[in-house]
Protein backbone atom coordinates (compact mmCIF):
# COMPACT_ATOMS: atom_id res chain seq x y z
CA MET A 1 0.20 -0.24 0.15
CA LEU A 2 0.87 3.20 -0.57
CA VAL A 3 1.95 5.18 2.61
CA LEU A 4 2.27 9.23 2.41
CA ILE A 5 4.50 10.47 5.51
CA THR A 6 4.64 13.92 6.52
CA TYR A 7 6.56 15.41 9.46
CA ASP A 8 7.20 18.19 10.99
CA VAL A 9 10.73 18.30 13.61
CA ASN A 10 11.33 21.64 15.93
CA THR A 11 14.92 22.12 14.84
CA GLU A 12 15.37 25.31 17.16
CA THR A 13 17.88 22.95 18.88
CA SER A 14 21.09 21.15 18.17
CA ALA A 15 18.93 18.21 19.41
CA GLY A 16 15.99 19.02 16.90
CA LYS A 17 17.98 19.21 13.77
CA ALA A 18 19.58 15.64 14.87
CA ARG A 19 16.04 14.02 15.14
CA LEU A 20 14.80 15.98 11.93
CA ARG A 21 17.95 14.14 10.26
CA LYS A 22 17.62 10.42 11.49
CA VAL A 23 13.57 10.92 10.53
CA ALA A 24 14.41 11.56 7.31
CA LYS A 25 17.45 9.00 6.98
CA GLN A 26 14.67 6.29 7.76
CA CYS A 27 11.94 7.32 5.41
CA VAL A 28 14.51 7.26 2.80
CA ASN A 29 14.94 3.90 3.66
CA TYR A 30 11.27 3.16 2.76
CA GLY A 31 10.73 5.26 -0.02
CA ARG A 32 11.21 9.00 -1.64
CA ARG A 33 10.81 12.08 -1.02
CA VAL A 34 8.20 13.75 -3.08
CA GLN A 35 8.79 16.83 -0.95
CA ASN A 36 11.32 18.74 2.59
CA SER A 37 9.47 16.85 4.72
CA VAL A 38 7.04 14.34 2.71
CA PHE A 39 7.64 10.67 1.37
CA GLU A 40 5.74 8.39 -0.53
CA CYS A 41 6.52 4.74 0.69
CA VAL A 42 5.12 1.56 -0.86
CA LEU A 43 4.94 -0.54 2.48
CA ASP A 44 3.25 -3.77 3.58
CA ASN A 45 1.82 -3.84 6.81
CA ALA A 46 4.79 -5.29 8.61
CA GLN A 47 6.55 -2.75 7.18
CA CYS A 48 4.47 0.08 8.00
CA VAL A 49 3.95 -0.88 11.69
CA LYS A 50 7.78 -0.97 11.99
CA LEU A 51 8.66 2.29 10.36
CA LYS A 52 6.27 3.92 12.61
CA SER A 53 7.66 2.92 15.78
CA VAL A 54 11.14 3.22 14.73
CA LEU A 55 9.85 7.23 13.51
CA SER A 56 7.99 7.17 16.87
CA ASP A 57 10.52 6.45 18.97
CA ILE A 58 12.50 9.63 17.65
CA ILE A 59 10.78 12.56 17.41
CA ASP A 60 10.06 14.22 20.87
CA THR A 61 5.95 14.28 20.67
CA GLU A 62 5.90 17.93 22.86
CA VAL A 63 7.19 19.77 20.04
CA ASP A 64 7.37 17.59 16.45
CA SER A 65 4.53 15.69 14.63
CA LEU A 66 4.20 12.57 12.37
CA ARG A 67 1.48 12.39 9.84
CA PHE A 68 0.16 9.07 7.84
CA TYR A 69 -2.03 9.37 5.09
CA TYR A 70 -2.99 5.71 3.92
CA LEU A 71 -3.75 5.54 0.18
CA GLY A 72 -4.19 1.83 -0.26
CA ASN A 73 -2.87 -0.32 -3.08
CA LYS A 74 -5.06 1.42 -5.61
CA TYR A 75 -3.15 4.61 -5.12
CA LYS A 76 -2.70 5.27 -9.00
CA THR A 77 -5.77 7.18 -9.02
CA LYS A 78 -5.28 9.41 -5.96
CA VAL A 79 -1.98 10.46 -6.63
CA GLU A 80 -1.78 13.87 -9.12
CA SER A 81 1.31 15.76 -9.37
CA ILE A 82 1.87 19.08 -11.05
CA GLY A 83 5.11 20.43 -11.90
CA VAL A 84 8.73 18.88 -11.52
CA GLU A 85 8.67 15.43 -10.15
CA ARG A 86 11.28 14.50 -7.39
CA GLY A 87 13.53 11.03 -8.18
CA ILE A 88 12.11 7.95 -9.60
CA ALA A 89 8.72 6.62 -9.19
CA VAL A 90 8.08 4.89 -5.80
CA GLU A 91 6.98 1.80 -7.80
CA ASP A 92 10.18 2.03 -10.39
CA VAL A 93 12.79 -0.11 -10.03
CA LEU A 94 16.33 1.08 -9.39
CA VAL A 95 19.11 -0.94 -10.43
CA LEU A 96 22.82 0.35 -9.26
């Protein structure tokens, strides 16, 4: 299923800046960045639970926030993009 993950991490302190980097690094491991604090991730249920747990452990719930939008498996009809695309499509194969 496609999960859209958005986050807002308070970066007024060095600890906040470190949390921001950690959140972004985890999201990069599971999907592609489509905007600065927005990632599209194609996940199964187990991956989704794991990623949510990892991200929840990183953030400070007093000053940071995470949002998960579950777009399901038929997400291609639910996503419209105008303008520059960042990176490759989330479902495309990347060969290194």
